[in-house]
PDB file of N, CA and C in Angstrom:
ATOM      1  N   UNK A   1       2.741 -25.176 202.690  1.00  0.00           N
ATOM      2  CA  UNK A   1       1.439 -24.690 203.302  1.00  0.00           C
ATOM      3  C   UNK A   1       0.304 -25.429 203.106  1.00  0.00           C
ATOM      4  N   UNK A   2      -0.092 -26.601 203.972  1.00  0.00           N
ATOM      5  CA  UNK A   2      -1.057 -27.364 203.723  1.00  0.00           C
ATOM      6  C   UNK A   2      -2.132 -26.907 204.758  1.00  0.00           C
ATOM      7  N   UNK A   3      -2.860 -25.834 204.324  1.00  0.00           N
ATOM      8  CA  UNK A   3      -4.030 -25.352 205.224  1.00  0.00           C
ATOM      9  C   UNK A   3      -5.197 -25.610 204.397  1.00  0.00           C
ATOM     10  N   UNK A   4      -5.877 -26.592 204.541  1.00  0.00           N
ATOM     11  CA  UNK A   4      -7.071 -26.864 203.613  1.00  0.00           C
ATOM     12  C   UNK A   4      -8.355 -26.455 204.344  1.00  0.00           C
ATOM     13  N   UNK A   5      -8.972 -25.383 203.641  1.00  0.00           N
ATOM     14  CA  UNK A   5     -10.173 -24.866 204.427  1.00  0.00           C
ATOM     15  C   UNK A   5      -9.767 -23.487 205.103  1.00  0.00           C
ATOM     16  N   UNK A   6      -8.682 -22.859 204.651  1.00  0.00           N
ATOM     17  CA  UNK A   6      -8.461 -21.514 204.985  1.00  0.00           C
ATOM     18  C   UNK A   6      -8.936 -20.609 204.044  1.00  0.00           C
ATOM     19  N   UNK A   7      -8.300 -20.591 202.805  1.00  0.00           N
ATOM     20  CA  UNK A   7      -8.810 -19.820 201.595  1.00  0.00           C
ATOM     21  C   UNK A   7      -8.816 -20.472 200.393  1.00  0.00           C
ATOM     22  N   UNK A   8     -10.355 -20.491 199.954  1.00  0.00           N
ATOM     23  CA  UNK A   8     -10.485 -21.583 198.625  1.00  0.00           C
ATOM     24  C   UNK A   8     -10.254 -20.520 197.417  1.00  0.00           C
ATOM     25  N   UNK A   9      -9.019 -20.234 197.065  1.00  0.00           N
ATOM     26  CA  UNK A   9      -8.863 -19.256 195.988  1.00  0.00           C
ATOM     27  C   UNK A   9      -8.199 -19.977 194.679  1.00  0.00           C
ATOM     28  N   UNK A  10      -8.516 -19.470 193.481  1.00  0.00           N
ATOM     29  CA  UNK A  10      -7.717 -20.029 192.292  1.00  0.00           C
ATOM     30  C   UNK A  10      -6.354 -20.186 192.383  1.00  0.00           C
ATOM     31  N   UNK A  11      -5.733 -18.971 192.926  1.00  0.00           N
ATOM     32  CA  UNK A  11      -4.439 -18.872 192.918  1.00  0.00           C
ATOM     33  C   UNK A  11      -3.670 -19.552 194.489  1.00  0.00           C
ATOM     34  N   UNK A  12      -4.660 -19.960 195.208  1.00  0.00           N
ATOM     35  CA  UNK A  12      -4.233 -20.365 196.501  1.00  0.00           C
ATOM     36  C   UNK A  12      -4.226 -21.936 196.527  1.00  0.00           C
ATOM     37  N   UNK A  13      -4.906 -22.628 195.609  1.00  0.00           N
ATOM     38  CA  UNK A  13      -5.115 -23.812 195.693  1.00  0.00           C
ATOM     39  C   UNK A  13      -5.007 -24.618 194.248  1.00  0.00           C
ATOM     40  N   UNK A  14      -4.869 -25.840 194.092  1.00  0.00           N
ATOM     41  CA  UNK A  14      -4.680 -26.549 192.753  1.00  0.00           C
ATOM     42  C   UNK A  14      -6.126 -26.418 191.967  1.00  0.00           C
ATOM     43  N   UNK A  15      -6.130 -27.147 190.783  1.00  0.00           N
ATOM     44  CA  UNK A  15      -7.474 -27.133 190.123  1.00  0.00           C
ATOM     45  C   UNK A  15      -8.305 -28.375 190.682  1.00  0.00           C
ATOM     46  N   UNK A  16      -9.286 -28.083 191.599  1.00  0.00           N
ATOM     47  CA  UNK A  16     -10.174 -28.810 192.226  1.00  0.00           C
ATOM     48  C   UNK A  16     -11.560 -28.801 191.475  1.00  0.00           C
ATOM     49  N   UNK A  17     -12.079 -30.065 191.732  1.00  0.00           N
ATOM     50  CA  UNK A  17     -13.580 -29.954 191.005  1.00  0.00           C
ATOM     51  C   UNK A  17     -14.646 -29.265 191.575  1.00  0.00           C
ATOM     52  N   UNK A  18     -14.528 -28.841 192.792  1.00  0.00           N
ATOM     53  CA  UNK A  18     -15.513 -27.814 193.349  1.00  0.00           C
ATOM     54  C   UNK A  18     -15.364 -26.507 192.948  1.00  0.00           C
ATOM     55  N   UNK A  19     -14.395 -26.212 192.132  1.00  0.00           N
ATOM     56  CA  UNK A  19     -13.929 -24.835 191.804  1.00  0.00           C
ATOM     57  C   UNK A  19     -14.608 -24.331 190.392  1.00  0.00           C
ATOM     58  N   UNK A  20     -15.981 -24.992 190.239  1.00  0.00           N
ATOM     59  CA  UNK A  20     -16.562 -24.601 189.054  1.00  0.00           C
ATOM     60  C   UNK A  20     -16.680 -23.138 188.800  1.00  0.00           C
ATOM     61  N   UNK A  21     -16.827 -22.378 189.624  1.00  0.00           N
ATOM     62  CA  UNK A  21     -17.130 -20.977 189.240  1.00  0.00           C
ATOM     63  C   UNK A  21     -15.691 -20.373 189.054  1.00  0.00           C
ATOM     64  N   UNK A  22     -14.624 -20.977 189.383  1.00  0.00           N
ATOM     65  CA  UNK A  22     -13.397 -20.346 189.075  1.00  0.00           C
ATOM     66  C   UNK A  22     -12.962 -20.806 187.656  1.00  0.00           C
ATOM     67  N   UNK A  23     -13.069 -22.178 187.423  1.00  0.00           N
ATOM     68  CA  UNK A  23     -12.837 -22.658 186.183  1.00  0.00           C
ATOM     69  C   UNK A  23     -13.506 -22.105 184.887  1.00  0.00           C
ATOM     70  N   UNK A  24     -14.823 -21.631 185.423  1.00  0.00           N
ATOM     71  CA  UNK A  24     -15.767 -20.968 184.258  1.00  0.00           C
ATOM     72  C   UNK A  24     -15.152 -19.536 183.912  1.00  0.00           C
ATOM     73  N   UNK A  25     -14.263 -19.033 184.982  1.00  0.00           N
ATOM     74  CA  UNK A  25     -13.649 -17.705 184.996  1.00  0.00           C
ATOM     75  C   UNK A  25     -12.355 -17.726 184.549  1.00  0.00           C
ATOM     76  N   UNK A  26     -11.655 -18.798 184.905  1.00  0.00           N
ATOM     77  CA  UNK A  26     -10.136 -18.803 184.817  1.00  0.00           C
ATOM     78  C   UNK A  26      -9.811 -20.393 184.260  1.00  0.00           C
ATOM     79  N   UNK A  27     -10.342 -20.794 183.071  1.00  0.00           N
ATOM     80  CA  UNK A  27      -9.916 -22.091 182.608  1.00  0.00           C
ATOM     81  C   UNK A  27      -8.560 -22.327 182.361  1.00  0.00           C
ATOM     82  N   UNK A  28      -8.002 -21.109 181.985  1.00  0.00           N
ATOM     83  CA  UNK A  28      -6.387 -21.472 181.673  1.00  0.00           C
ATOM     84  C   UNK A  28      -5.710 -21.466 183.002  1.00  0.00           C
ATOM     85  N   UNK A  29      -6.071 -21.062 184.018  1.00  0.00           N
ATOM     86  CA  UNK A  29      -5.507 -20.906 185.441  1.00  0.00           C
ATOM     87  C   UNK A  29      -5.230 -22.496 185.835  1.00  0.00           C
ATOM     88  N   UNK A  30      -6.101 -23.464 185.369  1.00  0.00           N
ATOM     89  CA  UNK A  30      -6.241 -24.636 185.721  1.00  0.00           C
ATOM     90  C   UNK A  30      -5.100 -25.433 185.107  1.00  0.00           C
ATOM     91  N   UNK A  31      -4.829 -24.801 183.726  1.00  0.00           N
ATOM     92  CA  UNK A  31      -3.687 -25.307 183.013  1.00  0.00           C
ATOM     93  C   UNK A  31      -2.406 -25.399 183.443  1.00  0.00           C
ATOM     94  N   UNK A  32      -1.941 -24.132 183.969  1.00  0.00           N
ATOM     95  CA  UNK A  32      -0.599 -23.898 184.651  1.00  0.00           C
ATOM     96  C   UNK A  32      -0.549 -24.728 185.961  1.00  0.00           C
ATOM     97  N   UNK A  33      -1.615 -24.929 186.514  1.00  0.00           N
ATOM     98  CA  UNK A  33      -1.516 -25.895 187.713  1.00  0.00           C
ATOM     99  C   UNK A  33      -1.208 -27.347 187.322  1.00  0.00           C
ATOM    100  N   UNK A  34      -1.770 -27.809 186.395  1.00  0.00           N
ATOM    101  CA  UNK A  34      -1.586 -29.066 185.933  1.00  0.00           C
ATOM    102  C   UNK A  34      -0.276 -29.271 185.330  1.00  0.00           C
ATOM    103  N   UNK A  35       0.428 -28.270 184.652  1.00  0.00           N
ATOM    104  CA  UNK A  35       1.463 -28.607 184.062  1.00  0.00           C
ATOM    105  C   UNK A  35       2.651 -28.508 185.087  1.00  0.00           C
ATOM    106  N   UNK A  36       2.548 -28.025 186.322  1.00  0.00           N
ATOM    107  CA  UNK A  36       3.552 -28.362 187.494  1.00  0.00           C
ATOM    108  C   UNK A  36       3.626 -29.851 187.708  1.00  0.00           C
TER     109      UNK A  36
END
């Protein structure tokens, strides 16, 4: 599923830099993404 620009969700995409709002609310969610 490579649909960049469809849904920018914390669970629908990897740990990106433009997701500051998400990292501030889910800093641990980025951890599981990097572990993969």
